[in-house]
Amino acid sequence: MGGSKVTAREKPAPATRLLSLALTVFPLLLLITSFILAAVSSAQSDWSYREHFDPDETSRSVGFEHRSPFVNCVLKDNFINVTAPDNTTVSRRVPTPDCTGTRDPGGLCDANADPSTRTISAFFCQHLSLSARLLYAGCALLGAALLVVLVLTAATLPQVLRTGAVGVVSSPWKPVGYWHAHPVKGGTYIVPPNHALSSYLAVLLTLLSALGALALLSGTATAAIALSVFQFPNGDFFSTGLGSGDPTSLHDAGPWMLGRSVGICAAGAVLGGVASYFVGFVWEGPRVGVIETHEAGVVEEK
């Protein structure tokens, strides 16, 4: 008895089709998550923070200041009357946060401003402005990649749902896989070229998502360094032999610390890079025609 003949129209197993479907939508899901994390975290103020203390009661925390490339939240003094244990009325300092936001990179910190009016280091302003531009570029590139992957996924999903596979470009005069199954005399295989629109969109998608992830990761690193190292008065906490006492008591505040938005934005960059890697698992890139000749006797002719 001969073996069963496998035809091109044979339906794949349900598990195979499910895995093919999951792999097809995986880059789309990665880029959606990456873009959301990048866009939302870039607009948040919790990139860095520092705790403030009451000058009259140094052990009492009065709140936190926050700063990011696009948002600056400072504490403004607000006094309320409270009743002391001896039934006297005293005024207590209760600062409230006052936030200022901008869409302009460097809008909150201009490195080119008049030094006599600028209260922040120009070096810090340059790094903060650069980080904002890189974050903008990363979000824009990931957004463009998201549009491309939406087009590719919409064009591919019906075929995957129907056949469990993604179609590839073959020779115009022979079916898919013919030349690999039927080598010509002399052991020569012909691999047809691939100049389908989807192949060039796949290359574009890989470049957009990879460059977007790189820009986003660079912007995150630049902002983290500027906000935690260059921002005043963190230098006092890194220095020794100040001769002016505890920096926390000197500034009535602790050092600037990195917030959770830094990690969220970095996670978005990593997911964008992973998405660029998985593009090649779903969509084939452009290919020129290849004629591969093996030595005589390697291919057995029947």
C-alpha atoms as a PDB file:
ATOM      1  CA  MET A   1       0.000   0.000   0.000  1.00  0.00           C
ATOM      2  CA  GLY A   2       1.282   3.421  -0.908  1.00  0.00           C
ATOM      3  CA  GLY A   3       1.479   6.303   1.464  1.00  0.00           C
ATOM      4  CA  SER A   4      -1.251   8.916   1.539  1.00  0.00           C
ATOM      5  CA  LYS A   5      -0.716  11.803  -0.785  1.00  0.00           C
ATOM      6  CA  VAL A   6      -0.552  15.259   0.805  1.00  0.00           C
ATOM      7  CA  THR A   7      -2.114  17.948  -1.318  1.00  0.00           C
ATOM      8  CA  ALA A   8      -1.778  21.712  -1.189  1.00  0.00           C
ATOM      9  CA  ARG A   9      -5.449  21.976  -0.295  1.00  0.00           C
ATOM     10  CA  GLU A  10      -5.200  19.852   2.841  1.00  0.00           C
ATOM     11  CA  LYS A  11      -6.437  21.805   5.845  1.00  0.00           C
ATOM     12  CA  PRO A  12      -3.974  22.304   8.707  1.00  0.00           C
ATOM     13  CA  ALA A  13      -4.670  20.975  12.167  1.00  0.00           C
ATOM     14  CA  PRO A  14      -6.635  23.336  14.452  1.00  0.00           C
ATOM     15  CA  ALA A  15      -3.621  23.714  16.737  1.00  0.00           C
ATOM     16  CA  THR A  16      -1.417  24.700  13.793  1.00  0.00           C
ATOM     17  CA  ARG A  17      -3.950  27.241  12.602  1.00  0.00           C
ATOM     18  CA  LEU A  18      -4.267  28.687  16.112  1.00  0.00           C
ATOM     19  CA  LEU A  19      -0.492  29.070  16.422  1.00  0.00           C
ATOM     20  CA  SER A  20      -0.308  30.695  12.984  1.00  0.00           C
ATOM     21  CA  LEU A  21      -3.051  33.108  13.965  1.00  0.00           C
ATOM     22  CA  ALA A  22      -1.291  33.987  17.250  1.00  0.00           C
ATOM     23  CA  LEU A  23       2.024  34.572  15.475  1.00  0.00           C
ATOM     24  CA  THR A  24       0.350  36.789  12.865  1.00  0.00           C
ATOM     25  CA  VAL A  25      -1.221  39.140  15.418  1.00  0.00           C
ATOM     26  CA  PHE A  26       1.754  39.089  17.807  1.00  0.00           C
ATOM     27  CA  PRO A  27       3.655  42.030  16.186  1.00  0.00           C
ATOM     28  CA  LEU A  28       0.421  44.042  16.158  1.00  0.00           C
ATOM     29  CA  LEU A  29      -0.213  43.422  19.855  1.00  0.00           C
ATOM     30  CA  LEU A  30       3.386  44.280  20.715  1.00  0.00           C
ATOM     31  CA  LEU A  31       3.282  47.585  18.824  1.00  0.00           C
ATOM     32  CA  ILE A  32      -0.090  48.575  20.277  1.00  0.00           C
ATOM     33  CA  THR A  33       1.227  47.994  23.793  1.00  0.00           C
ATOM     34  CA  SER A  34       4.534  49.700  22.993  1.00  0.00           C
ATOM     35  CA  PHE A  35       2.885  52.814  21.572  1.00  0.00           C
ATOM     36  CA  ILE A  36       0.436  53.140  24.471  1.00  0.00           C
ATOM     37  CA  LEU A  37       3.170  52.779  27.087  1.00  0.00           C
ATOM     38  CA  ALA A  38       5.403  55.290  25.297  1.00  0.00           C
ATOM     39  CA  ALA A  39       2.709  57.909  24.687  1.00  0.00           C
ATOM     40  CA  VAL A  40       1.121  57.715  28.139  1.00  0.00           C
ATOM     41  CA  SER A  41       4.391  57.662  30.095  1.00  0.00           C
ATOM     42  CA  SER A  42       5.858  60.581  28.082  1.00  0.00           C
ATOM     43  CA  ALA A  43       2.939  62.779  29.155  1.00  0.00           C
ATOM     44  CA  GLN A  44       3.224  61.910  32.855  1.00  0.00           C
ATOM     45  CA  SER A  45       4.976  64.004  35.489  1.00  0.00           C
ATOM     46  CA  ASP A  46       6.299  61.055  37.505  1.00  0.00           C
ATOM     47  CA  TRP A  47       9.704  60.816  35.799  1.00  0.00           C
ATOM     48  CA  SER A  48      11.450  62.190  38.857  1.00  0.00           C
ATOM     49  CA  TYR A  49      10.340  63.291  42.319  1.00  0.00           C
ATOM     50  CA  ARG A  50      11.701  64.613  45.579  1.00  0.00           C
ATOM     51  CA  GLU A  51      10.187  64.827  49.030  1.00  0.00           C
ATOM     52  CA  HIS A  52       9.852  68.190  50.832  1.00  0.00           C
ATOM     53  CA  PHE A  53       9.925  68.710  54.589  1.00  0.00           C
ATOM     54  CA  ASP A  54       8.563  71.415  56.826  1.00  0.00           C
ATOM     55  CA  PRO A  55      11.439  73.803  57.782  1.00  0.00           C
ATOM     56  CA  ASP A  56       9.951  74.154  61.267  1.00  0.00           C
ATOM     57  CA  GLU A  57       9.299  70.433  61.688  1.00  0.00           C
ATOM     58  CA  THR A  58      12.066  68.729  59.728  1.00  0.00           C
ATOM     59  CA  SER A  59      10.634  65.280  60.364  1.00  0.00           C
ATOM     60  CA  ARG A  60       7.254  66.167  58.803  1.00  0.00           C
ATOM     61  CA  SER A  61       6.868  65.569  55.081  1.00  0.00           C
ATOM     62  CA  VAL A  62       4.777  68.208  53.326  1.00  0.00           C
ATOM     63  CA  GLY A  63       4.583  66.662  49.858  1.00  0.00           C
ATOM     64  CA  PHE A  64       6.444  65.792  46.670  1.00  0.00           C
ATOM     65  CA  GLU A  65       7.633  67.725  43.658  1.00  0.00           C
ATOM     66  CA  HIS A  66       7.655  66.018  40.250  1.00  0.00           C
ATOM     67  CA  ARG A  67       9.419  66.771  37.005  1.00  0.00           C
ATOM     68  CA  SER A  68       9.499  65.218  33.520  1.00  0.00           C
ATOM     69  CA  PRO A  69      10.595  66.412  30.061  1.00  0.00           C
ATOM     70  CA  PHE A  70       7.118  67.907  29.511  1.00  0.00           C
ATOM     71  CA  VAL A  71       5.698  68.561  33.002  1.00  0.00           C
ATOM     72  CA  ASN A  72       7.007  70.423  36.047  1.00  0.00           C
ATOM     73  CA  CYS A  73       5.117  70.226  39.368  1.00  0.00           C
ATOM     74  CA  VAL A  74       6.333  72.444  42.214  1.00  0.00           C
ATOM     75  CA  LEU A  75       4.970  72.936  45.719  1.00  0.00           C
ATOM     76  CA  LYS A  76       3.419  76.301  46.489  1.00  0.00           C
ATOM     77  CA  ASP A  77       3.057  77.424  50.079  1.00  0.00           C
ATOM     78  CA  ASN A  78      -0.435  77.306  51.480  1.00  0.00           C
ATOM     79  CA  PHE A  79      -1.155  78.011  55.155  1.00  0.00           C
ATOM     80  CA  ILE A  80      -4.108  76.750  57.156  1.00  0.00           C
ATOM     81  CA  ASN A  81      -5.152  77.373  60.744  1.00  0.00           C
ATOM     82  CA  VAL A  82      -5.094  74.373  63.080  1.00  0.00           C
ATOM     83  CA  THR A  83      -5.784  73.974  66.784  1.00  0.00           C
ATOM     84  CA  ALA A  84      -2.752  73.176  68.896  1.00  0.00           C
ATOM     85  CA  PRO A  85      -2.874  70.824  71.944  1.00  0.00           C
ATOM     86  CA  ASP A  86      -3.105  73.870  74.227  1.00  0.00           C
ATOM     87  CA  ASN A  87      -6.279  74.991  72.348  1.00  0.00           C
ATOM     88  CA  THR A  88      -4.495  77.838  70.632  1.00  0.00           C
ATOM     89  CA  THR A  89      -4.828  78.462  66.912  1.00  0.00           C
ATOM     90  CA  VAL A  90      -1.633  78.195  64.922  1.00  0.00           C
ATOM     91  CA  SER A  91      -0.855  78.512  61.237  1.00  0.00           C
ATOM     92  CA  ARG A  92       0.535  75.406  59.585  1.00  0.00           C
ATOM     93  CA  ARG A  93       2.319  75.260  56.221  1.00  0.00           C
ATOM     94  CA  VAL A  94       0.557  72.855  53.839  1.00  0.00           C
ATOM     95  CA  PRO A  95       2.071  73.211  50.348  1.00  0.00           C
ATOM     96  CA  THR A  96      -0.084  72.288  47.344  1.00  0.00           C
ATOM     97  CA  PRO A  97       1.228  71.048  43.977  1.00  0.00           C
ATOM     98  CA  ASP A  98       1.195  73.467  41.050  1.00  0.00           C
ATOM     99  CA  CYS A  99       1.900  71.802  37.677  1.00  0.00           C
ATOM    100  CA  THR A 100       2.904  73.375  34.381  1.00  0.00           C
ATOM    101  CA  GLY A 101       2.919  71.374  31.165  1.00  0.00           C
ATOM    102  CA  THR A 102       4.111  71.987  27.638  1.00  0.00           C
ATOM    103  CA  ARG A 103       4.152  70.260  24.234  1.00  0.00           C
ATOM    104  CA  ASP A 104       7.267  72.098  23.152  1.00  0.00           C
ATOM    105  CA  PRO A 105      10.567  70.270  23.793  1.00  0.00           C
ATOM    106  CA  GLY A 106      12.511  72.519  26.119  1.00  0.00           C
ATOM    107  CA  GLY A 107       9.489  74.726  26.713  1.00  0.00           C
ATOM    108  CA  LEU A 108       9.857  74.454  30.482  1.00  0.00           C
ATOM    109  CA  CYS A 109      13.612  74.941  30.474  1.00  0.00           C
ATOM    110  CA  ASP A 110      15.233  77.116  27.796  1.00  0.00           C
ATOM    111  CA  ALA A 111      19.007  76.637  27.562  1.00  0.00           C
ATOM    112  CA  ASN A 112      19.294  79.805  25.427  1.00  0.00           C
ATOM    113  CA  ALA A 113      17.508  82.079  27.890  1.00  0.00           C
ATOM    114  CA  ASP A 114      19.232  85.077  29.423  1.00  0.00           C
ATOM    115  CA  PRO A 115      21.586  83.756  32.142  1.00  0.00           C
ATOM    116  CA  SER A 116      20.541  86.620  34.419  1.00  0.00           C
ATOM    117  CA  THR A 117      16.916  85.403  34.387  1.00  0.00           C
ATOM    118  CA  ARG A 118      17.478  81.646  34.086  1.00  0.00           C
ATOM    119  CA  THR A 119      17.427  79.830  37.420  1.00  0.00           C
ATOM    120  CA  ILE A 120      18.285  76.387  36.033  1.00  0.00           C
ATOM    121  CA  SER A 121      21.546  75.094  34.579  1.00  0.00           C
ATOM    122  CA  ALA A 122      21.803  75.406  30.783  1.00  0.00           C
ATOM    123  CA  PHE A 123      23.489  71.992  30.725  1.00  0.00           C
ATOM    124  CA  PHE A 124      20.449  70.448  32.412  1.00  0.00           C
ATOM    125  CA  CYS A 125      18.085  72.272  30.027  1.00  0.00           C
ATOM    126  CA  GLN A 126      19.950  70.966  26.966  1.00  0.00           C
ATOM    127  CA  HIS A 127      19.663  67.363  28.117  1.00  0.00           C
ATOM    128  CA  LEU A 128      16.004  67.746  29.038  1.00  0.00           C
ATOM    129  CA  SER A 129      15.217  69.286  25.644  1.00  0.00           C
ATOM    130  CA  LEU A 130      17.121  66.544  23.825  1.00  0.00           C
ATOM    131  CA  SER A 131      15.266  63.831  25.726  1.00  0.00           C
ATOM    132  CA  ALA A 132      11.915  65.411  24.849  1.00  0.00           C
ATOM    133  CA  ARG A 133      12.787  65.467  21.134  1.00  0.00           C
ATOM    134  CA  LEU A 134      13.884  61.833  21.237  1.00  0.00           C
ATOM    135  CA  LEU A 135      10.653  60.837  22.983  1.00  0.00           C
ATOM    136  CA  TYR A 136       8.662  62.682  20.316  1.00  0.00           C
ATOM    137  CA  ALA A 137      10.614  60.917  17.565  1.00  0.00           C
ATOM    138  CA  GLY A 138      10.189  57.513  19.187  1.00  0.00           C
ATOM    139  CA  CYS A 139       6.427  57.918  19.587  1.00  0.00           C
ATOM    140  CA  ALA A 140       6.073  59.173  16.000  1.00  0.00           C
ATOM    141  CA  LEU A 141       8.059  56.252  14.548  1.00  0.00           C
ATOM    142  CA  LEU A 142       6.154  53.695  16.621  1.00  0.00           C
ATOM    143  CA  GLY A 143       2.878  55.311  15.561  1.00  0.00           C
ATOM    144  CA  ALA A 144       3.857  54.988  11.898  1.00  0.00           C
ATOM    145  CA  ALA A 145       4.903  51.367  12.500  1.00  0.00           C
ATOM    146  CA  LEU A 146       1.519  50.714  14.085  1.00  0.00           C
ATOM    147  CA  LEU A 147      -0.264  51.968  10.954  1.00  0.00           C
ATOM    148  CA  VAL A 148       1.862  49.726   8.714  1.00  0.00           C
ATOM    149  CA  VAL A 149       1.328  46.627  10.855  1.00  0.00           C
ATOM    150  CA  LEU A 150      -2.415  47.276  10.874  1.00  0.00           C
ATOM    151  CA  VAL A 151      -2.432  47.221   7.060  1.00  0.00           C
ATOM    152  CA  LEU A 152      -0.301  44.069   6.871  1.00  0.00           C
ATOM    153  CA  THR A 153      -2.289  42.243   9.535  1.00  0.00           C
ATOM    154  CA  ALA A 154      -5.634  43.153   7.938  1.00  0.00           C
ATOM    155  CA  ALA A 155      -4.397  41.822   4.591  1.00  0.00           C
ATOM    156  CA  THR A 156      -2.918  38.652   6.083  1.00  0.00           C
ATOM    157  CA  LEU A 157      -5.483  37.531   8.662  1.00  0.00           C
ATOM    158  CA  PRO A 158      -8.199  36.357   6.204  1.00  0.00           C
ATOM    159  CA  GLN A 159      -5.690  34.094   4.480  1.00  0.00           C
ATOM    160  CA  VAL A 160      -4.384  32.709   7.778  1.00  0.00           C
ATOM    161  CA  LEU A 161      -7.925  32.058   9.012  1.00  0.00           C
ATOM    162  CA  ARG A 162      -8.756  30.276   5.779  1.00  0.00           C
ATOM    163  CA  THR A 163      -5.606  28.239   5.158  1.00  0.00           C
ATOM    164  CA  GLY A 164      -3.510  28.546   8.314  1.00  0.00           C
ATOM    165  CA  ALA A 165      -0.574  29.939   6.322  1.00  0.00           C
ATOM    166  CA  VAL A 166       0.710  33.125   4.711  1.00  0.00           C
ATOM    167  CA  GLY A 167       1.002  33.027   0.931  1.00  0.00           C
ATOM    168  CA  VAL A 168       4.416  33.527  -0.648  1.00  0.00           C
ATOM    169  CA  VAL A 169       5.344  34.715  -4.106  1.00  0.00           C
ATOM    170  CA  SER A 170       6.262  31.959  -6.562  1.00  0.00           C
ATOM    171  CA  SER A 171       7.328  31.744 -10.182  1.00  0.00           C
ATOM    172  CA  PRO A 172       4.629  33.093 -12.501  1.00  0.00           C
ATOM    173  CA  TRP A 173       4.685  29.885 -14.524  1.00  0.00           C
ATOM    174  CA  LYS A 174       4.959  27.278 -11.780  1.00  0.00           C
ATOM    175  CA  PRO A 175       3.096  26.698  -8.455  1.00  0.00           C
ATOM    176  CA  VAL A 176       4.588  27.358  -5.015  1.00  0.00           C
ATOM    177  CA  GLY A 177       7.373  24.913  -4.162  1.00  0.00           C
ATOM    178  CA  TYR A 178       7.530  23.367  -7.636  1.00  0.00           C
ATOM    179  CA  TRP A 179      11.208  23.986  -8.229  1.00  0.00           C
ATOM    180  CA  HIS A 180      12.206  22.743  -4.801  1.00  0.00           C
ATOM    181  CA  ALA A 181      10.260  19.541  -5.392  1.00  0.00           C
ATOM    182  CA  HIS A 182      11.329  19.192  -9.043  1.00  0.00           C
ATOM    183  CA  PRO A 183      14.977  20.246  -9.534  1.00  0.00           C
ATOM    184  CA  VAL A 184      15.979  20.658 -13.127  1.00  0.00           C
ATOM    185  CA  LYS A 185      18.587  18.415 -14.652  1.00  0.00           C
ATOM    186  CA  GLY A 186      22.041  18.925 -13.163  1.00  0.00           C
ATOM    187  CA  GLY A 187      20.875  19.653  -9.626  1.00  0.00           C
ATOM    188  CA  THR A 188      19.787  23.255 -10.221  1.00  0.00           C
ATOM    189  CA  TYR A 189      17.090  24.836  -8.075  1.00  0.00           C
ATOM    190  CA  ILE A 190      15.351  28.081  -9.028  1.00  0.00           C
ATOM    191  CA  VAL A 191      14.118  30.315  -6.187  1.00  0.00           C
ATOM    192  CA  PRO A 192      11.708  32.880  -7.653  1.00  0.00           C
ATOM    193  CA  PRO A 193      12.027  36.607  -6.834  1.00  0.00           C
ATOM    194  CA  ASN A 194       9.712  38.318  -4.383  1.00  0.00           C
ATOM    195  CA  HIS A 195       8.776  41.920  -5.118  1.00  0.00           C
ATOM    196  CA  ALA A 196       5.307  41.896  -3.602  1.00  0.00           C
ATOM    197  CA  LEU A 197       4.114  45.095  -1.915  1.00  0.00           C
ATOM    198  CA  SER A 198       3.769  43.239   1.390  1.00  0.00           C
ATOM    199  CA  SER A 199       7.480  42.359   1.358  1.00  0.00           C
ATOM    200  CA  TYR A 200       8.517  46.013   1.125  1.00  0.00           C
ATOM    201  CA  LEU A 201       5.969  46.968   3.777  1.00  0.00           C
ATOM    202  CA  ALA A 202       7.554  44.327   6.012  1.00  0.00           C
ATOM    203  CA  VAL A 203      10.972  45.961   5.593  1.00  0.00           C
ATOM    204  CA  LEU A 204       9.457  49.383   6.304  1.00  0.00           C
ATOM    205  CA  LEU A 205       7.745  48.002   9.407  1.00  0.00           C
ATOM    206  CA  THR A 206      10.994  46.517  10.696  1.00  0.00           C
ATOM    207  CA  LEU A 207      12.864  49.809  10.222  1.00  0.00           C
ATOM    208  CA  LEU A 208      10.129  51.968  11.780  1.00  0.00           C
ATOM    209  CA  SER A 209       9.697  49.806  14.874  1.00  0.00           C
ATOM    210  CA  ALA A 210      13.451  49.314  15.389  1.00  0.00           C
ATOM    211  CA  LEU A 211      14.296  53.014  14.966  1.00  0.00           C
ATOM    212  CA  GLY A 212      11.325  53.996  17.127  1.00  0.00           C
ATOM    213  CA  ALA A 213      12.474  51.687  19.906  1.00  0.00           C
ATOM    214  CA  LEU A 214      16.030  53.032  19.653  1.00  0.00           C
ATOM    215  CA  ALA A 215      14.888  56.686  19.794  1.00  0.00           C
ATOM    216  CA  LEU A 216      12.566  55.961  22.697  1.00  0.00           C
ATOM    217  CA  LEU A 217      15.226  54.121  24.668  1.00  0.00           C
ATOM    218  CA  SER A 218      17.776  56.911  24.024  1.00  0.00           C
ATOM    219  CA  GLY A 219      15.264  59.554  25.112  1.00  0.00           C
ATOM    220  CA  THR A 220      14.446  57.628  28.266  1.00  0.00           C
ATOM    221  CA  ALA A 221      18.112  57.239  29.198  1.00  0.00           C
ATOM    222  CA  THR A 222      18.875  60.905  28.490  1.00  0.00           C
ATOM    223  CA  ALA A 223      15.928  62.077  30.588  1.00  0.00           C
ATOM    224  CA  ALA A 224      16.835  59.735  33.443  1.00  0.00           C
ATOM    225  CA  ILE A 225      20.391  61.089  33.577  1.00  0.00           C
ATOM    226  CA  ALA A 226      19.286  64.720  33.360  1.00  0.00           C
ATOM    227  CA  LEU A 227      16.584  64.393  36.022  1.00  0.00           C
ATOM    228  CA  SER A 228      18.537  62.309  38.525  1.00  0.00           C
ATOM    229  CA  VAL A 229      22.121  63.551  38.046  1.00  0.00           C
ATOM    230  CA  PHE A 230      22.153  67.063  36.559  1.00  0.00           C
ATOM    231  CA  GLN A 231      19.083  68.480  38.284  1.00  0.00           C
ATOM    232  CA  PHE A 232      19.713  70.849  41.205  1.00  0.00           C
ATOM    233  CA  PRO A 233      20.412  70.169  44.032  1.00  0.00           C
ATOM    234  CA  ASN A 234      21.336  66.526  43.475  1.00  0.00           C
ATOM    235  CA  GLY A 235      24.995  67.475  43.133  1.00  0.00           C
ATOM    236  CA  ASP A 236      25.030  68.314  46.852  1.00  0.00           C
ATOM    237  CA  PHE A 237      23.985  64.772  47.680  1.00  0.00           C
ATOM    238  CA  PHE A 238      26.775  63.348  45.505  1.00  0.00           C
ATOM    239  CA  SER A 239      29.481  65.633  46.928  1.00  0.00           C
ATOM    240  CA  THR A 240      31.556  65.170  50.065  1.00  0.00           C
ATOM    241  CA  GLY A 241      32.998  67.669  52.482  1.00  0.00           C
ATOM    242  CA  LEU A 242      30.264  70.259  51.917  1.00  0.00           C
ATOM    243  CA  GLY A 243      30.893  72.010  55.194  1.00  0.00           C
ATOM    244  CA  SER A 244      27.297  73.210  55.205  1.00  0.00           C
ATOM    245  CA  GLY A 245      25.595  70.316  56.953  1.00  0.00           C
ATOM    246  CA  ASP A 246      23.072  67.762  55.779  1.00  0.00           C
ATOM    247  CA  PRO A 247      21.828  68.536  52.221  1.00  0.00           C
ATOM    248  CA  THR A 248      18.276  67.534  53.215  1.00  0.00           C
ATOM    249  CA  SER A 249      18.254  70.123  55.999  1.00  0.00           C
ATOM    250  CA  LEU A 250      19.967  72.658  53.764  1.00  0.00           C
ATOM    251  CA  HIS A 251      17.306  72.462  51.009  1.00  0.00           C
ATOM    252  CA  ASP A 252      14.346  71.267  53.118  1.00  0.00           C
ATOM    253  CA  ALA A 253      14.028  68.448  50.586  1.00  0.00           C
ATOM    254  CA  GLY A 254      15.531  65.112  49.697  1.00  0.00           C
ATOM    255  CA  PRO A 255      17.346  64.215  46.469  1.00  0.00           C
ATOM    256  CA  TRP A 256      15.624  63.825  43.117  1.00  0.00           C
ATOM    257  CA  MET A 257      14.715  60.169  42.534  1.00  0.00           C
ATOM    258  CA  LEU A 258      13.542  58.426  39.359  1.00  0.00           C
ATOM    259  CA  GLY A 259       9.815  57.752  39.075  1.00  0.00           C
ATOM    260  CA  ARG A 260       7.922  54.831  37.612  1.00  0.00           C
ATOM    261  CA  SER A 261       7.311  56.527  34.246  1.00  0.00           C
ATOM    262  CA  VAL A 262      10.976  55.952  33.353  1.00  0.00           C
ATOM    263  CA  GLY A 263      10.527  52.194  33.637  1.00  0.00           C
ATOM    264  CA  ILE A 264       7.203  52.265  31.768  1.00  0.00           C
ATOM    265  CA  CYS A 265       8.702  54.186  28.850  1.00  0.00           C
ATOM    266  CA  ALA A 266      11.715  51.867  28.734  1.00  0.00           C
ATOM    267  CA  ALA A 267       9.346  48.876  28.656  1.00  0.00           C
ATOM    268  CA  GLY A 268       7.565  50.431  25.672  1.00  0.00           C
ATOM    269  CA  ALA A 269      10.902  50.772  23.871  1.00  0.00           C
ATOM    270  CA  VAL A 270      11.806  47.141  24.538  1.00  0.00           C
ATOM    271  CA  LEU A 271       8.450  45.916  23.218  1.00  0.00           C
ATOM    272  CA  GLY A 272       8.945  47.967  20.055  1.00  0.00           C
ATOM    273  CA  GLY A 273      12.320  46.324  19.509  1.00  0.00           C
ATOM    274  CA  VAL A 274      10.846  42.858  20.057  1.00  0.00           C
ATOM    275  CA  ALA A 275       8.102  43.648  17.536  1.00  0.00           C
ATOM    276  CA  SER A 276      10.699  44.541  14.892  1.00  0.00           C
ATOM    277  CA  TYR A 277      12.348  41.148  15.439  1.00  0.00           C
ATOM    278  CA  PHE A 278       9.120  39.186  15.011  1.00  0.00           C
ATOM    279  CA  VAL A 279       8.150  40.855  11.722  1.00  0.00           C
ATOM    280  CA  GLY A 280      10.349  38.436   9.783  1.00  0.00           C
ATOM    281  CA  PHE A 281       8.537  35.454  11.310  1.00  0.00           C
ATOM    282  CA  VAL A 282       5.282  36.481   9.628  1.00  0.00           C
ATOM    283  CA  TRP A 283       6.033  38.471   6.478  1.00  0.00           C
ATOM    284  CA  GLU A 284       8.784  37.620   4.008  1.00  0.00           C
ATOM    285  CA  GLY A 285      11.020  40.439   2.831  1.00  0.00           C
ATOM    286  CA  PRO A 286      11.955  41.299  -0.779  1.00  0.00           C
ATOM    287  CA  ARG A 287      14.096  38.774  -2.595  1.00  0.00           C
ATOM    288  CA  VAL A 288      15.865  38.650  -5.927  1.00  0.00           C
ATOM    289  CA  GLY A 289      15.660  35.442  -7.963  1.00  0.00           C
ATOM    290  CA  VAL A 290      18.273  32.837  -7.084  1.00  0.00           C
ATOM    291  CA  ILE A 291      19.577  29.970  -9.195  1.00  0.00           C
ATOM    292  CA  GLU A 292      21.280  27.469  -6.917  1.00  0.00           C
ATOM    293  CA  THR A 293      23.359  24.765  -8.613  1.00  0.00           C
ATOM    294  CA  HIS A 294      24.668  21.757  -6.712  1.00  0.00           C
ATOM    295  CA  GLU A 295      27.448  19.447  -7.723  1.00  0.00           C
ATOM    296  CA  ALA A 296      26.527  16.571  -9.998  1.00  0.00           C
ATOM    297  CA  GLY A 297      25.271  13.568  -8.139  1.00  0.00           C
ATOM    298  CA  VAL A 298      24.030  15.513  -5.094  1.00  0.00           C
ATOM    299  CA  VAL A 299      20.462  15.565  -6.364  1.00  0.00           C
ATOM    300  CA  GLU A 300      19.019  12.185  -7.077  1.00  0.00           C
ATOM    301  CA  GLU A 301      16.840  12.134 -10.181  1.00  0.00           C
ATOM    302  CA  LYS A 302      14.037   9.675 -10.523  1.00  0.00           C
END
